[in-house]
Amino acid sequence: MGADTALDPVRAQLLRAARTEADTLLAAADDEASAVLADAEAQAATILAEARRLGEDDAATARDAARTRARRDARARELAAHRECWEELGRRVVSGVEDLRGTDSYPLLRARLTAYVRDALGPDARITQAPGGGVVGETGDRRLDCSLNALARRALERIGTEAEELWAP
């Protein structure tokens, strides 16, 4: 038998040992790869959950901001509509009061306004006819506007928020 043949059992043993060690190393590498993969998947799941939470928080913040803007815009439109209604009411009231100039009772009204101004400012008050009707009285340092326009505006101011009931639902 030759030296090669005599070494065959040793070679076979070394080969088995090498295969066993390779199988052990491969199994350990597979286990380590599985552990690394599981750890990476867990980290990815954590990152994804955090990103989802942050996205939901951002979406909630954006939604709340959009709602706030929408409420603010709606309120601004509502206030603008109220202001337009108030201004239109003022125009109509002033127009209606100024229409008194064309009635038979206007001379008596003007006389009563003149008497009121003289009583309030004194007999030396200078009284002039207001352009839209009514009178304006003045003394050196005082002025009393009893124009029909001013009287109508003051009446509207007195009713104030009660007028809002006209356009409230």
N, C-alpha and C. Protein backbone atom coordinates (compact mmCIF):
# COMPACT_ATOMS: atom_id res chain seq x y z
N MET A 1 0.83 -1.14 0.00
CA MET A 1 0.00 0.00 0.00
C MET A 1 0.89 1.22 0.00
N GLY A 2 0.43 2.17 -0.67
CA GLY A 2 1.28 3.32 -0.80
C GLY A 2 0.94 4.35 0.27
N ALA A 3 1.78 5.33 0.30
CA ALA A 3 1.62 6.39 1.28
C ALA A 3 0.30 7.12 1.06
N ASP A 4 -0.10 7.21 -0.22
CA ASP A 4 -1.38 7.88 -0.48
C ASP A 4 -2.53 7.10 0.09
N THR A 5 -2.48 5.82 -0.04
CA THR A 5 -3.56 4.98 0.42
C THR A 5 -3.59 4.97 1.94
N ALA A 6 -2.43 5.01 2.55
CA ALA A 6 -2.36 5.00 3.99
C ALA A 6 -2.92 6.32 4.55
N LEU A 7 -2.85 7.37 3.79
CA LEU A 7 -3.34 8.66 4.26
C LEU A 7 -4.82 8.87 3.94
N ASP A 8 -5.43 7.99 3.19
CA ASP A 8 -6.84 8.12 2.83
C ASP A 8 -7.74 8.23 4.07
N PRO A 9 -7.57 7.43 5.08
CA PRO A 9 -8.43 7.59 6.25
C PRO A 9 -8.20 8.95 6.94
N VAL A 10 -6.96 9.43 6.95
CA VAL A 10 -6.68 10.71 7.58
C VAL A 10 -7.32 11.82 6.76
N ARG A 11 -7.16 11.70 5.41
CA ARG A 11 -7.79 12.68 4.53
C ARG A 11 -9.30 12.67 4.71
N ALA A 12 -9.88 11.50 4.77
CA ALA A 12 -11.34 11.40 4.93
C ALA A 12 -11.76 12.02 6.25
N GLN A 13 -10.97 11.77 7.30
CA GLN A 13 -11.27 12.34 8.61
C GLN A 13 -11.15 13.87 8.56
N LEU A 14 -10.07 14.38 7.94
CA LEU A 14 -9.87 15.82 7.82
C LEU A 14 -11.00 16.45 6.99
N LEU A 15 -11.38 15.74 5.93
CA LEU A 15 -12.47 16.23 5.07
C LEU A 15 -13.78 16.27 5.84
N ARG A 16 -14.09 15.23 6.63
CA ARG A 16 -15.29 15.22 7.44
C ARG A 16 -15.24 16.34 8.47
N ALA A 17 -14.09 16.52 9.09
CA ALA A 17 -13.94 17.58 10.09
C ALA A 17 -14.11 18.96 9.43
N ALA A 18 -13.55 19.11 8.23
CA ALA A 18 -13.67 20.38 7.50
C ALA A 18 -15.13 20.62 7.12
N ARG A 19 -15.82 19.57 6.67
CA ARG A 19 -17.23 19.71 6.31
C ARG A 19 -18.06 20.03 7.54
N THR A 20 -17.79 19.37 8.63
CA THR A 20 -18.52 19.61 9.87
C THR A 20 -18.30 21.05 10.32
N GLU A 21 -17.00 21.48 10.28
CA GLU A 21 -16.70 22.84 10.67
C GLU A 21 -17.34 23.83 9.71
N ALA A 22 -17.35 23.53 8.40
CA ALA A 22 -17.98 24.41 7.41
C ALA A 22 -19.48 24.46 7.66
N ASP A 23 -20.09 23.28 7.92
CA ASP A 23 -21.53 23.26 8.22
C ASP A 23 -21.83 24.07 9.48
N THR A 24 -20.98 23.96 10.50
CA THR A 24 -21.16 24.71 11.73
C THR A 24 -21.03 26.21 11.46
N LEU A 25 -20.00 26.58 10.69
CA LEU A 25 -19.80 27.98 10.34
C LEU A 25 -20.96 28.50 9.50
N LEU A 26 -21.44 27.69 8.55
CA LEU A 26 -22.58 28.10 7.73
C LEU A 26 -23.85 28.24 8.58
N ALA A 27 -24.07 27.32 9.48
CA ALA A 27 -25.24 27.40 10.36
C ALA A 27 -25.14 28.65 11.25
N ALA A 28 -23.91 28.91 11.76
CA ALA A 28 -23.73 30.10 12.60
C ALA A 28 -23.94 31.36 11.77
N ALA A 29 -23.44 31.35 10.52
CA ALA A 29 -23.62 32.50 9.63
C ALA A 29 -25.11 32.68 9.31
N ASP A 30 -25.81 31.57 9.07
CA ASP A 30 -27.25 31.66 8.82
C ASP A 30 -27.98 32.21 10.05
N ASP A 31 -27.60 31.72 11.23
CA ASP A 31 -28.22 32.21 12.46
C ASP A 31 -27.92 33.71 12.66
N GLU A 32 -26.67 34.08 12.42
CA GLU A 32 -26.31 35.49 12.56
C GLU A 32 -27.04 36.34 11.52
N ALA A 33 -27.14 35.86 10.28
CA ALA A 33 -27.86 36.60 9.24
C ALA A 33 -29.33 36.72 9.61
N SER A 34 -29.90 35.62 10.14
CA SER A 34 -31.30 35.67 10.57
C SER A 34 -31.48 36.67 11.70
N ALA A 35 -30.54 36.69 12.65
CA ALA A 35 -30.63 37.62 13.77
C ALA A 35 -30.48 39.06 13.27
N VAL A 36 -29.53 39.31 12.36
CA VAL A 36 -29.34 40.65 11.80
C VAL A 36 -30.59 41.07 11.03
N LEU A 37 -31.14 40.13 10.25
CA LEU A 37 -32.35 40.42 9.48
C LEU A 37 -33.53 40.70 10.43
N ALA A 38 -33.69 39.93 11.47
CA ALA A 38 -34.77 40.14 12.44
C ALA A 38 -34.59 41.48 13.14
N ASP A 39 -33.33 41.81 13.50
CA ASP A 39 -33.07 43.09 14.14
C ASP A 39 -33.38 44.24 13.17
N ALA A 40 -32.98 44.09 11.91
CA ALA A 40 -33.26 45.12 10.90
C ALA A 40 -34.76 45.27 10.68
N GLU A 41 -35.48 44.16 10.64
CA GLU A 41 -36.94 44.23 10.48
C GLU A 41 -37.59 44.90 11.69
N ALA A 42 -37.10 44.62 12.90
CA ALA A 42 -37.64 45.25 14.10
C ALA A 42 -37.35 46.75 14.08
N GLN A 43 -36.13 47.12 13.69
CA GLN A 43 -35.79 48.54 13.59
C GLN A 43 -36.65 49.22 12.51
N ALA A 44 -36.84 48.53 11.39
CA ALA A 44 -37.67 49.09 10.31
C ALA A 44 -39.10 49.28 10.80
N ALA A 45 -39.62 48.30 11.54
CA ALA A 45 -40.98 48.40 12.07
C ALA A 45 -41.08 49.57 13.05
N THR A 46 -40.05 49.74 13.90
CA THR A 46 -40.03 50.85 14.85
C THR A 46 -39.98 52.18 14.11
N ILE A 47 -39.11 52.28 13.12
CA ILE A 47 -39.00 53.50 12.32
C ILE A 47 -40.30 53.78 11.59
N LEU A 48 -40.89 52.74 11.00
CA LEU A 48 -42.16 52.91 10.29
C LEU A 48 -43.27 53.36 11.25
N ALA A 49 -43.32 52.76 12.43
CA ALA A 49 -44.34 53.14 13.41
C ALA A 49 -44.14 54.60 13.84
N GLU A 50 -42.88 54.99 14.07
CA GLU A 50 -42.60 56.37 14.46
C GLU A 50 -42.94 57.33 13.32
N ALA A 51 -42.59 56.95 12.09
CA ALA A 51 -42.92 57.79 10.93
C ALA A 51 -44.43 57.91 10.78
N ARG A 52 -45.13 56.80 10.98
CA ARG A 52 -46.59 56.83 10.89
C ARG A 52 -47.19 57.75 11.96
N ARG A 53 -46.65 57.63 13.19
CA ARG A 53 -47.13 58.48 14.29
C ARG A 53 -46.85 59.95 13.98
N LEU A 54 -45.64 60.23 13.51
CA LEU A 54 -45.30 61.61 13.16
C LEU A 54 -46.17 62.11 12.01
N GLY A 55 -46.41 61.25 11.04
CA GLY A 55 -47.29 61.63 9.92
C GLY A 55 -48.70 61.90 10.40
N GLU A 56 -49.21 61.06 11.30
CA GLU A 56 -50.55 61.28 11.85
C GLU A 56 -50.59 62.58 12.65
N ASP A 57 -49.52 62.83 13.43
CA ASP A 57 -49.45 64.09 14.19
C ASP A 57 -49.43 65.29 13.25
N ASP A 58 -48.61 65.19 12.20
CA ASP A 58 -48.54 66.28 11.22
C ASP A 58 -49.89 66.46 10.53
N ALA A 59 -50.52 65.36 10.18
CA ALA A 59 -51.83 65.44 9.52
C ALA A 59 -52.86 66.07 10.47
N ALA A 60 -52.83 65.68 11.74
CA ALA A 60 -53.76 66.26 12.71
C ALA A 60 -53.51 67.75 12.89
N THR A 61 -52.23 68.12 12.93
CA THR A 61 -51.89 69.54 13.06
C THR A 61 -52.37 70.31 11.83
N ALA A 62 -52.11 69.75 10.65
CA ALA A 62 -52.54 70.41 9.40
C ALA A 62 -54.07 70.48 9.34
N ARG A 63 -54.73 69.40 9.74
CA ARG A 63 -56.20 69.38 9.74
C ARG A 63 -56.75 70.44 10.70
N ASP A 64 -56.16 70.51 11.91
CA ASP A 64 -56.61 71.50 12.89
C ASP A 64 -56.38 72.92 12.37
N ALA A 65 -55.23 73.13 11.74
CA ALA A 65 -54.94 74.47 11.19
C ALA A 65 -55.92 74.79 10.07
N ALA A 66 -56.23 73.81 9.23
CA ALA A 66 -57.19 74.05 8.14
C ALA A 66 -58.58 74.34 8.70
N ARG A 67 -58.97 73.61 9.74
CA ARG A 67 -60.27 73.88 10.37
C ARG A 67 -60.31 75.28 10.98
N THR A 68 -59.21 75.64 11.64
CA THR A 68 -59.14 76.97 12.26
C THR A 68 -59.24 78.05 11.19
N ARG A 69 -58.49 77.87 10.08
CA ARG A 69 -58.57 78.84 8.98
C ARG A 69 -59.98 78.89 8.41
N ALA A 70 -60.59 77.72 8.24
CA ALA A 70 -61.95 77.68 7.68
C ALA A 70 -62.94 78.39 8.60
N ARG A 71 -62.82 78.13 9.93
CA ARG A 71 -63.70 78.82 10.88
C ARG A 71 -63.46 80.32 10.86
N ARG A 72 -62.18 80.71 10.82
CA ARG A 72 -61.84 82.14 10.80
C ARG A 72 -62.37 82.78 9.51
N ASP A 73 -62.19 82.10 8.38
CA ASP A 73 -62.70 82.64 7.11
C ASP A 73 -64.22 82.74 7.12
N ALA A 74 -64.87 81.70 7.66
CA ALA A 74 -66.34 81.72 7.72
C ALA A 74 -66.81 82.86 8.63
N ARG A 75 -66.12 83.05 9.75
CA ARG A 75 -66.49 84.13 10.66
C ARG A 75 -66.26 85.49 10.00
N ALA A 76 -65.16 85.62 9.27
CA ALA A 76 -64.89 86.89 8.58
C ALA A 76 -65.97 87.17 7.53
N ARG A 77 -66.38 86.12 6.80
CA ARG A 77 -67.45 86.31 5.81
C ARG A 77 -68.77 86.66 6.49
N GLU A 78 -69.02 86.01 7.63
CA GLU A 78 -70.25 86.30 8.37
C GLU A 78 -70.24 87.75 8.87
N LEU A 79 -69.11 88.17 9.42
CA LEU A 79 -69.02 89.56 9.90
C LEU A 79 -69.13 90.55 8.75
N ALA A 80 -68.53 90.21 7.61
CA ALA A 80 -68.64 91.09 6.43
C ALA A 80 -70.09 91.17 5.98
N ALA A 81 -70.79 90.05 5.99
CA ALA A 81 -72.21 90.05 5.61
C ALA A 81 -73.02 90.88 6.60
N HIS A 82 -72.72 90.75 7.90
CA HIS A 82 -73.42 91.56 8.91
C HIS A 82 -73.14 93.04 8.68
N ARG A 83 -71.87 93.35 8.42
CA ARG A 83 -71.52 94.75 8.18
C ARG A 83 -72.26 95.29 6.95
N GLU A 84 -72.32 94.48 5.88
CA GLU A 84 -73.05 94.90 4.69
C GLU A 84 -74.54 95.11 5.00
N CYS A 85 -75.10 94.19 5.79
CA CYS A 85 -76.51 94.34 6.18
C CYS A 85 -76.69 95.61 7.01
N TRP A 86 -75.78 95.84 7.95
CA TRP A 86 -75.87 97.02 8.81
C TRP A 86 -75.76 98.29 7.96
N GLU A 87 -74.81 98.29 7.04
CA GLU A 87 -74.64 99.48 6.18
C GLU A 87 -75.87 99.69 5.29
N GLU A 88 -76.40 98.60 4.77
CA GLU A 88 -77.60 98.71 3.92
C GLU A 88 -78.79 99.20 4.76
N LEU A 89 -78.91 98.68 5.98
CA LEU A 89 -79.97 99.15 6.87
C LEU A 89 -79.80 100.64 7.13
N GLY A 90 -78.57 101.06 7.39
CA GLY A 90 -78.30 102.48 7.62
C GLY A 90 -78.68 103.32 6.41
N ARG A 91 -78.31 102.86 5.21
CA ARG A 91 -78.67 103.61 4.00
C ARG A 91 -80.18 103.71 3.85
N ARG A 92 -80.87 102.62 4.10
CA ARG A 92 -82.33 102.63 3.95
C ARG A 92 -83.01 103.50 5.00
N VAL A 93 -82.51 103.41 6.23
CA VAL A 93 -83.10 104.24 7.29
C VAL A 93 -82.87 105.71 6.98
N VAL A 94 -81.64 106.06 6.61
CA VAL A 94 -81.34 107.46 6.29
C VAL A 94 -82.18 107.91 5.11
N SER A 95 -82.27 107.09 4.09
CA SER A 95 -83.07 107.44 2.91
C SER A 95 -84.53 107.63 3.29
N GLY A 96 -85.03 106.72 4.12
CA GLY A 96 -86.43 106.82 4.55
C GLY A 96 -86.68 108.08 5.37
N VAL A 97 -85.74 108.40 6.27
CA VAL A 97 -85.89 109.59 7.09
C VAL A 97 -85.77 110.84 6.22
N GLU A 98 -84.83 110.83 5.28
CA GLU A 98 -84.68 111.99 4.40
C GLU A 98 -85.91 112.19 3.51
N ASP A 99 -86.64 111.11 3.26
CA ASP A 99 -87.87 111.22 2.47
C ASP A 99 -88.94 112.04 3.21
N LEU A 100 -88.75 112.22 4.51
CA LEU A 100 -89.69 113.04 5.28
C LEU A 100 -89.75 114.47 4.75
N ARG A 101 -88.67 114.93 4.12
CA ARG A 101 -88.63 116.30 3.59
C ARG A 101 -89.75 116.56 2.59
N GLY A 102 -90.20 115.52 1.94
CA GLY A 102 -91.26 115.69 0.94
C GLY A 102 -92.66 115.55 1.50
N THR A 103 -92.78 115.39 2.81
CA THR A 103 -94.11 115.22 3.40
C THR A 103 -94.65 116.56 3.92
N ASP A 104 -95.95 116.59 4.13
CA ASP A 104 -96.60 117.79 4.65
C ASP A 104 -96.19 118.08 6.10
N SER A 105 -95.75 117.05 6.82
CA SER A 105 -95.41 117.25 8.23
C SER A 105 -93.96 117.71 8.42
N TYR A 106 -93.18 117.78 7.35
CA TYR A 106 -91.77 118.15 7.51
C TYR A 106 -91.58 119.56 8.06
N PRO A 107 -92.31 120.57 7.61
CA PRO A 107 -92.09 121.91 8.19
C PRO A 107 -92.29 121.92 9.71
N LEU A 108 -93.26 121.18 10.20
CA LEU A 108 -93.48 121.11 11.65
C LEU A 108 -92.30 120.41 12.32
N LEU A 109 -91.80 119.32 11.71
CA LEU A 109 -90.65 118.59 12.26
C LEU A 109 -89.43 119.51 12.30
N ARG A 110 -89.19 120.25 11.22
CA ARG A 110 -88.05 121.16 11.19
C ARG A 110 -88.19 122.24 12.27
N ALA A 111 -89.36 122.73 12.47
CA ALA A 111 -89.60 123.75 13.50
C ALA A 111 -89.33 123.16 14.89
N ARG A 112 -89.75 121.93 15.11
CA ARG A 112 -89.53 121.30 16.41
C ARG A 112 -88.03 121.05 16.63
N LEU A 113 -87.32 120.63 15.57
CA LEU A 113 -85.87 120.42 15.69
C LEU A 113 -85.17 121.75 15.98
N THR A 114 -85.60 122.81 15.32
CA THR A 114 -85.02 124.14 15.55
C THR A 114 -85.24 124.56 17.00
N ALA A 115 -86.44 124.37 17.52
CA ALA A 115 -86.74 124.71 18.92
C ALA A 115 -85.89 123.88 19.87
N TYR A 116 -85.70 122.61 19.56
CA TYR A 116 -84.89 121.73 20.40
C TYR A 116 -83.44 122.23 20.44
N VAL A 117 -82.89 122.58 19.27
CA VAL A 117 -81.51 123.06 19.20
C VAL A 117 -81.37 124.38 19.97
N ARG A 118 -82.33 125.32 19.80
CA ARG A 118 -82.27 126.60 20.53
C ARG A 118 -82.34 126.35 22.04
N ASP A 119 -83.17 125.41 22.44
CA ASP A 119 -83.30 125.10 23.86
C ASP A 119 -81.99 124.51 24.39
N ALA A 120 -81.35 123.66 23.61
CA ALA A 120 -80.11 123.00 24.05
C ALA A 120 -78.91 123.93 24.01
N LEU A 121 -78.81 124.79 22.99
CA LEU A 121 -77.63 125.63 22.83
C LEU A 121 -77.83 127.09 23.26
N GLY A 122 -79.07 127.46 23.42
CA GLY A 122 -79.34 128.84 23.82
C GLY A 122 -79.86 129.67 22.66
N PRO A 123 -80.43 130.86 22.99
CA PRO A 123 -81.07 131.68 21.97
C PRO A 123 -80.10 132.28 20.96
N ASP A 124 -78.81 132.32 21.30
CA ASP A 124 -77.83 132.90 20.38
C ASP A 124 -77.28 131.87 19.38
N ALA A 125 -77.76 130.65 19.44
CA ALA A 125 -77.26 129.61 18.54
C ALA A 125 -77.57 129.97 17.09
N ARG A 126 -76.58 129.71 16.23
CA ARG A 126 -76.78 129.89 14.80
C ARG A 126 -77.29 128.56 14.24
N ILE A 127 -78.45 128.59 13.63
CA ILE A 127 -79.08 127.36 13.14
C ILE A 127 -79.14 127.41 11.62
N THR A 128 -78.66 126.30 11.02
CA THR A 128 -78.68 126.21 9.55
C THR A 128 -79.42 124.94 9.15
N GLN A 129 -79.94 124.98 7.94
CA GLN A 129 -80.61 123.79 7.39
C GLN A 129 -79.54 122.78 6.98
N ALA A 130 -79.73 121.51 7.36
CA ALA A 130 -78.79 120.45 6.96
C ALA A 130 -79.10 120.02 5.53
N PRO A 131 -78.09 119.63 4.74
CA PRO A 131 -78.32 119.29 3.34
C PRO A 131 -79.36 118.19 3.12
N GLY A 132 -79.38 117.17 3.97
CA GLY A 132 -80.34 116.07 3.79
C GLY A 132 -81.63 116.26 4.55
N GLY A 133 -81.79 117.41 5.17
CA GLY A 133 -82.97 117.67 5.98
C GLY A 133 -82.59 117.81 7.43
N GLY A 134 -83.43 118.48 8.20
CA GLY A 134 -83.13 118.72 9.60
C GLY A 134 -82.31 119.99 9.74
N VAL A 135 -81.75 120.19 10.93
CA VAL A 135 -80.99 121.41 11.20
C VAL A 135 -79.72 121.09 11.96
N VAL A 136 -78.78 122.06 11.92
CA VAL A 136 -77.54 121.98 12.69
C VAL A 136 -77.41 123.29 13.43
N GLY A 137 -77.16 123.21 14.74
CA GLY A 137 -77.00 124.41 15.54
C GLY A 137 -75.58 124.54 16.02
N GLU A 138 -75.10 125.81 16.08
CA GLU A 138 -73.73 126.05 16.52
C GLU A 138 -73.67 127.31 17.38
N THR A 139 -72.84 127.22 18.39
CA THR A 139 -72.46 128.40 19.15
C THR A 139 -70.94 128.45 19.03
N GLY A 140 -70.29 129.36 19.75
CA GLY A 140 -68.84 129.49 19.63
C GLY A 140 -68.09 128.17 19.80
N ASP A 141 -68.43 127.39 20.80
CA ASP A 141 -67.66 126.17 21.09
C ASP A 141 -68.49 124.89 21.07
N ARG A 142 -69.74 124.99 20.73
CA ARG A 142 -70.61 123.81 20.74
C ARG A 142 -71.33 123.68 19.41
N ARG A 143 -71.64 122.43 19.11
CA ARG A 143 -72.36 122.13 17.87
C ARG A 143 -73.34 121.02 18.16
N LEU A 144 -74.54 121.14 17.65
CA LEU A 144 -75.57 120.10 17.82
C LEU A 144 -76.12 119.77 16.44
N ASP A 145 -75.87 118.53 16.03
CA ASP A 145 -76.29 118.07 14.70
C ASP A 145 -77.64 117.37 14.83
N CYS A 146 -78.68 118.02 14.37
CA CYS A 146 -80.02 117.42 14.34
C CYS A 146 -80.45 117.26 12.88
N SER A 147 -79.47 116.92 12.05
CA SER A 147 -79.82 116.62 10.66
C SER A 147 -80.57 115.30 10.67
N LEU A 148 -81.39 115.10 9.66
CA LEU A 148 -82.14 113.84 9.60
C LEU A 148 -81.18 112.65 9.51
N ASN A 149 -80.08 112.83 8.79
CA ASN A 149 -79.08 111.78 8.67
C ASN A 149 -78.51 111.43 10.04
N ALA A 150 -78.09 112.44 10.80
CA ALA A 150 -77.50 112.21 12.13
C ALA A 150 -78.51 111.59 13.08
N LEU A 151 -79.77 112.05 13.02
CA LEU A 151 -80.80 111.48 13.90
C LEU A 151 -81.04 110.01 13.57
N ALA A 152 -81.06 109.69 12.29
CA ALA A 152 -81.27 108.30 11.89
C ALA A 152 -80.09 107.43 12.35
N ARG A 153 -78.86 107.93 12.17
CA ARG A 153 -77.66 107.17 12.60
C ARG A 153 -77.65 106.97 14.11
N ARG A 154 -78.01 108.00 14.87
CA ARG A 154 -78.04 107.86 16.33
C ARG A 154 -79.10 106.85 16.76
N ALA A 155 -80.24 106.85 16.07
CA ALA A 155 -81.28 105.88 16.40
C ALA A 155 -80.78 104.46 16.14
N LEU A 156 -80.06 104.28 15.03
CA LEU A 156 -79.50 102.96 14.74
C LEU A 156 -78.47 102.55 15.79
N GLU A 157 -77.64 103.49 16.20
CA GLU A 157 -76.65 103.18 17.23
C GLU A 157 -77.31 102.77 18.53
N ARG A 158 -78.44 103.40 18.87
CA ARG A 158 -79.14 103.05 20.11
C ARG A 158 -79.69 101.64 20.07
N ILE A 159 -80.19 101.22 18.93
CA ILE A 159 -80.72 99.86 18.88
C ILE A 159 -79.60 98.84 18.76
N GLY A 160 -78.44 99.26 18.26
CA GLY A 160 -77.21 98.45 18.26
C GLY A 160 -77.43 97.00 17.88
N THR A 161 -77.07 96.12 18.82
CA THR A 161 -77.09 94.68 18.54
C THR A 161 -78.49 94.14 18.33
N GLU A 162 -79.50 94.87 18.80
CA GLU A 162 -80.88 94.41 18.56
C GLU A 162 -81.17 94.34 17.07
N ALA A 163 -80.51 95.18 16.29
CA ALA A 163 -80.72 95.18 14.84
C ALA A 163 -80.23 93.88 14.22
N GLU A 164 -79.25 93.23 14.86
CA GLU A 164 -78.73 91.98 14.32
C GLU A 164 -79.82 90.90 14.26
N GLU A 165 -80.83 91.03 15.08
CA GLU A 165 -81.92 90.06 15.04
C GLU A 165 -82.63 90.09 13.69
N LEU A 166 -82.49 91.19 12.97
CA LEU A 166 -83.11 91.28 11.66
C LEU A 166 -82.52 90.27 10.68
N TRP A 167 -81.24 89.94 10.82
CA TRP A 167 -80.61 89.01 9.88
C TRP A 167 -80.14 87.72 10.56
N ALA A 168 -80.49 87.54 11.83
CA ALA A 168 -80.15 86.30 12.50
C ALA A 168 -81.09 85.19 12.04
N PRO A 169 -80.59 83.95 12.01
CA PRO A 169 -81.45 82.83 11.59
C PRO A 169 -82.56 82.54 12.57
